[in-house]
Protein backbone atom coordinates (compact mmCIF):
# COMPACT_ATOMS: atom_id res chain seq x y z
CA MET A 1 0.00 0.00 0.00
CA GLU A 2 1.45 3.36 -1.01
CA ALA A 3 2.34 5.62 1.92
CA LYS A 4 0.28 8.78 2.29
CA ILE A 5 1.76 12.26 2.01
CA LYS A 6 2.07 13.62 5.55
CA ILE A 7 0.77 17.18 5.85
CA MET A 8 1.16 19.80 8.55
CA ILE A 9 -1.18 22.78 8.47
CA ALA A 10 -0.24 26.00 10.30
CA ASP A 11 -2.66 28.91 10.68
CA ASP A 12 -3.43 31.03 13.74
CA HIS A 13 -7.14 31.23 12.89
CA GLN A 14 -8.76 28.03 14.12
CA LEU A 15 -11.71 28.18 11.74
CA VAL A 16 -9.40 28.58 8.75
CA ARG A 17 -7.15 25.79 9.97
CA LYS A 18 -10.07 23.42 10.56
CA GLY A 19 -11.42 24.35 7.13
CA PHE A 20 -8.17 23.24 5.53
CA VAL A 21 -8.20 20.03 7.54
CA ALA A 22 -11.70 19.30 6.22
CA ILE A 23 -10.52 19.96 2.66
CA LEU A 24 -7.42 17.80 3.10
CA GLU A 25 -9.58 14.93 4.34
CA GLN A 26 -11.28 14.92 0.92
CA ILE A 27 -7.98 14.41 -0.93
CA PRO A 28 -6.92 10.79 -1.47
CA GLY A 29 -3.33 9.95 -0.59
CA VAL A 30 -2.76 12.65 2.04
CA GLN A 31 -2.84 12.53 5.82
CA VAL A 32 -2.97 15.47 8.24
CA MET A 33 -0.08 14.76 10.58
CA ALA A 34 -0.45 17.79 12.85
CA GLU A 35 -1.88 21.28 13.21
CA ALA A 36 -0.21 24.43 14.54
CA ALA A 37 -1.27 27.97 15.39
CA ASN A 38 2.16 29.58 14.93
CA GLY A 39 5.71 28.86 13.85
CA ARG A 40 6.90 27.76 17.26
CA GLU A 41 4.22 25.08 17.35
CA VAL A 42 5.30 23.91 13.88
CA LEU A 43 8.89 23.42 14.98
CA ASP A 44 7.81 21.80 18.25
CA ALA A 45 5.59 19.34 16.37
CA PHE A 46 8.44 18.44 14.02
CA ARG A 47 10.69 17.68 16.99
CA ARG A 48 8.02 15.63 18.79
CA LEU A 49 6.39 13.81 15.89
CA GLY A 50 9.01 13.83 13.14
CA ARG A 51 8.95 15.78 9.90
CA ALA A 52 5.99 16.19 7.62
CA ASP A 53 6.33 15.79 3.84
CA VAL A 54 4.59 19.07 3.02
CA VAL A 55 3.87 22.04 5.29
CA LEU A 56 0.97 24.39 4.54
CA LEU A 57 2.17 27.57 6.21
CA ASP A 58 0.17 30.72 6.88
CA TYR A 59 2.28 33.81 6.15
CA GLU A 60 0.85 35.94 8.96
CA MET A 61 1.01 34.30 12.41
CA PRO A 62 1.83 35.54 15.91
CA LEU A 63 4.96 34.67 17.92
CA MET A 64 6.77 33.32 14.85
CA ASN A 65 5.44 34.29 11.43
CA GLY A 66 5.42 32.29 8.22
CA LEU A 67 8.63 33.72 6.78
CA GLU A 68 10.59 33.12 9.99
CA THR A 69 9.22 29.59 10.18
CA LEU A 70 10.04 28.93 6.52
CA ILE A 71 13.65 30.00 7.07
CA GLN A 72 13.99 27.80 10.15
CA LEU A 73 12.43 24.77 8.46
CA LYS A 74 14.68 25.06 5.41
CA GLN A 75 17.73 25.33 7.64
CA GLU A 76 16.87 22.38 9.89
CA TYR A 77 15.16 19.96 7.51
CA PHE A 78 16.86 19.38 4.17
CA GLY A 79 14.42 19.02 1.30
CA ILE A 80 11.34 19.98 3.30
CA LYS A 81 8.49 21.18 1.07
CA VAL A 82 6.60 24.32 2.11
CA ILE A 83 3.52 25.90 0.53
CA VAL A 84 2.82 29.40 1.79
CA LEU A 85 -0.83 30.30 2.41
CA THR A 86 -1.81 33.94 2.11
CA MET A 87 -4.56 36.38 1.27
CA LEU A 88 -1.96 39.00 0.36
CA ASN A 89 -1.03 39.07 -3.31
CA GLU A 90 1.91 41.39 -2.72
CA ARG A 91 5.02 40.97 -4.84
CA SER A 92 7.39 41.82 -1.97
CA ILE A 93 5.92 39.04 0.17
CA ILE A 94 6.09 36.52 -2.67
CA GLN A 95 9.64 37.45 -3.60
CA GLY A 96 10.82 37.33 0.00
CA ALA A 97 9.41 33.85 0.54
CA LEU A 98 10.78 32.64 -2.80
CA GLU A 99 14.24 33.82 -1.83
CA GLN A 100 13.96 31.72 1.33
CA GLY A 101 12.95 28.61 -0.58
CA ALA A 102 9.14 28.51 -0.60
CA ASP A 103 7.97 25.73 -2.91
CA GLY A 104 4.55 27.15 -3.62
CA PHE A 105 1.91 29.79 -2.93
CA LEU A 106 -1.81 29.35 -2.47
CA PHE A 107 -4.60 31.70 -1.50
CA LYS A 108 -6.75 30.62 1.41
CA ASN A 109 -9.86 30.40 -0.77
CA THR A 110 -8.26 27.67 -2.88
CA SER A 111 -10.36 24.78 -4.15
CA VAL A 112 -10.00 21.12 -3.25
CA GLU A 113 -8.72 20.44 -6.77
CA GLU A 114 -6.07 23.17 -6.68
CA LEU A 115 -4.89 22.21 -3.20
CA SER A 116 -4.57 18.58 -4.31
CA THR A 117 -2.61 19.61 -7.42
CA ALA A 118 -0.32 21.90 -5.43
CA ILE A 119 0.49 19.24 -2.83
CA SER A 120 1.16 16.62 -5.50
CA LYS A 121 3.48 18.86 -7.54
CA VAL A 122 5.39 20.22 -4.56
CA TYR A 123 5.79 16.75 -3.06
CA LYS A 124 7.37 15.63 -6.34
CA GLY A 125 9.85 18.51 -6.24
CA GLU A 126 8.10 20.95 -8.56
CA LYS A 127 6.87 24.48 -7.84
CA TYR A 128 3.24 25.54 -7.71
CA TYR A 129 1.82 29.05 -7.76
CA ALA A 130 -1.84 30.05 -7.72
CA GLY A 131 -2.74 31.79 -10.95
CA GLU A 132 -2.92 35.24 -9.37
CA VAL A 133 0.48 34.74 -7.75
CA ALA A 134 2.05 33.75 -11.06
CA LEU A 135 0.50 36.83 -12.65
CA SER A 136 1.93 39.04 -9.91
CA LEU A 137 5.38 37.54 -10.43
CA ALA A 138 5.11 37.95 -14.18
CA LYS A 139 4.37 41.65 -13.71
CA ALA A 140 7.46 42.21 -11.58
CA PRO A 141 9.53 45.26 -12.55
CA THR A 142 12.20 44.41 -15.08
CA ALA A 143 15.05 46.15 -16.76
CA SER A 144 14.10 48.45 -19.62
CA ASN A 145 15.12 45.75 -22.08
CA ASP A 146 14.10 42.40 -20.66
CA ALA A 147 16.63 39.79 -21.72
CA SER A 148 15.58 37.62 -24.63
CA LEU A 149 15.56 33.84 -24.71
CA THR A 150 17.71 34.11 -27.81
CA SER A 151 20.58 35.30 -25.60
CA LEU A 152 20.67 31.95 -23.83
CA SER A 153 22.44 28.82 -24.96
CA GLU A 154 20.48 25.58 -25.24
CA ARG A 155 22.13 24.28 -22.08
CA GLU A 156 21.36 27.47 -20.16
CA LEU A 157 17.75 27.23 -21.24
CA ASP A 158 17.57 23.63 -20.02
CA VAL A 159 19.03 24.65 -16.65
CA LEU A 160 16.71 27.64 -16.38
CA LYS A 161 13.60 25.53 -16.91
CA LEU A 162 14.65 22.99 -14.29
CA VAL A 163 15.73 25.62 -11.74
CA ALA A 164 12.36 27.34 -12.17
CA GLN A 165 10.61 24.02 -11.50
CA GLY A 166 12.40 23.78 -8.16
CA PHE A 167 14.94 21.03 -8.87
CA SER A 168 18.23 21.06 -6.94
CA SER A 169 21.65 21.27 -8.60
CA THR A 170 22.18 17.55 -7.96
CA GLU A 171 18.80 16.65 -9.53
CA ILE A 172 19.41 18.91 -12.53
CA GLY A 173 22.88 17.46 -13.02
CA ALA A 174 21.46 13.93 -13.03
CA GLN A 175 18.86 14.87 -15.66
CA LEU A 176 21.32 16.70 -17.91
CA PHE A 177 24.30 14.40 -17.29
CA ILE A 178 26.50 17.18 -15.93
CA SER A 179 28.02 17.78 -12.50
CA PRO A 180 26.21 19.80 -9.81
CA ARG A 181 29.09 22.27 -9.90
CA THR A 182 28.52 22.83 -13.62
CA VAL A 183 24.83 23.39 -12.89
CA ASP A 184 25.79 26.03 -10.29
CA THR A 185 28.01 27.73 -12.86
CA HIS A 186 25.18 27.83 -15.42
CA ARG A 187 22.77 29.16 -12.79
CA ASN A 188 25.15 31.94 -11.76
CA ASN A 189 25.74 32.82 -15.42
CA LEU A 190 21.97 32.98 -15.95
CA ILE A 191 21.56 35.34 -13.00
CA GLN A 192 24.24 37.64 -14.38
CA LYS A 193 23.12 37.42 -18.01
CA LEU A 194 19.45 38.03 -17.22
CA GLU A 195 20.30 40.65 -14.59
CA VAL A 196 17.96 39.16 -11.99
CA LYS A 197 18.21 38.64 -8.26
CA GLY A 198 18.76 35.02 -7.34
CA ILE A 199 16.43 32.07 -7.79
CA ALA A 200 13.32 34.21 -7.39
CA GLY A 201 14.42 36.36 -10.32
CA LEU A 202 15.00 33.29 -12.50
CA VAL A 203 11.53 31.98 -11.61
CA GLN A 204 9.97 35.33 -12.51
CA PHE A 205 11.79 35.42 -15.85
CA ALA A 206 10.70 31.84 -16.59
CA ILE A 207 7.07 32.75 -15.84
CA ARG A 208 7.20 35.85 -18.04
CA GLN A 209 8.61 33.77 -20.87
CA LYS A 210 5.98 31.04 -20.27
CA LEU A 211 8.62 28.39 -19.63
CA ILE A 212 6.73 26.98 -16.65
């Protein structure tokens, strides 16, 4: 029997949190491992119960907010998958969380179908952004002459697509039959060539160019 995807849901509003639990119970193949009302409770649950596969993390929480919790989780638990939940479609919030390794963004009024899709994709190592979030990223300010895909080599384009999908340097190297160090070199070259800021900038460029 295939193991279920273990989910932790963190939101300081009990009604919202219980609403997500009810939605998650409708999705085959997932199991709610624990609930939390703030970031400290998330970390405490991980230490008591073990790690979840995917964390649904409210951005705005007391004591320890979503961004602080995201940073701590990524530091302590290699490969942990985190989907940020928000009602705020603000580019600065999205960019900040992307820079800290968020694997996806969902609005709290998401449907059962979208939540199921997001969990499945993120669990497999891909990225998932609600449509409005992707649109916000695509509209991010760019240089006066946004770099063209024609300026990229075929290998750089391959790396860009995989980076934007959330794959690690090791995973990309295995797919392209190159070393992780070579992947890092291509990624750094892409950042310089496209004049973007880090991984978040590469993701934004990929979205604008409809590569993901």
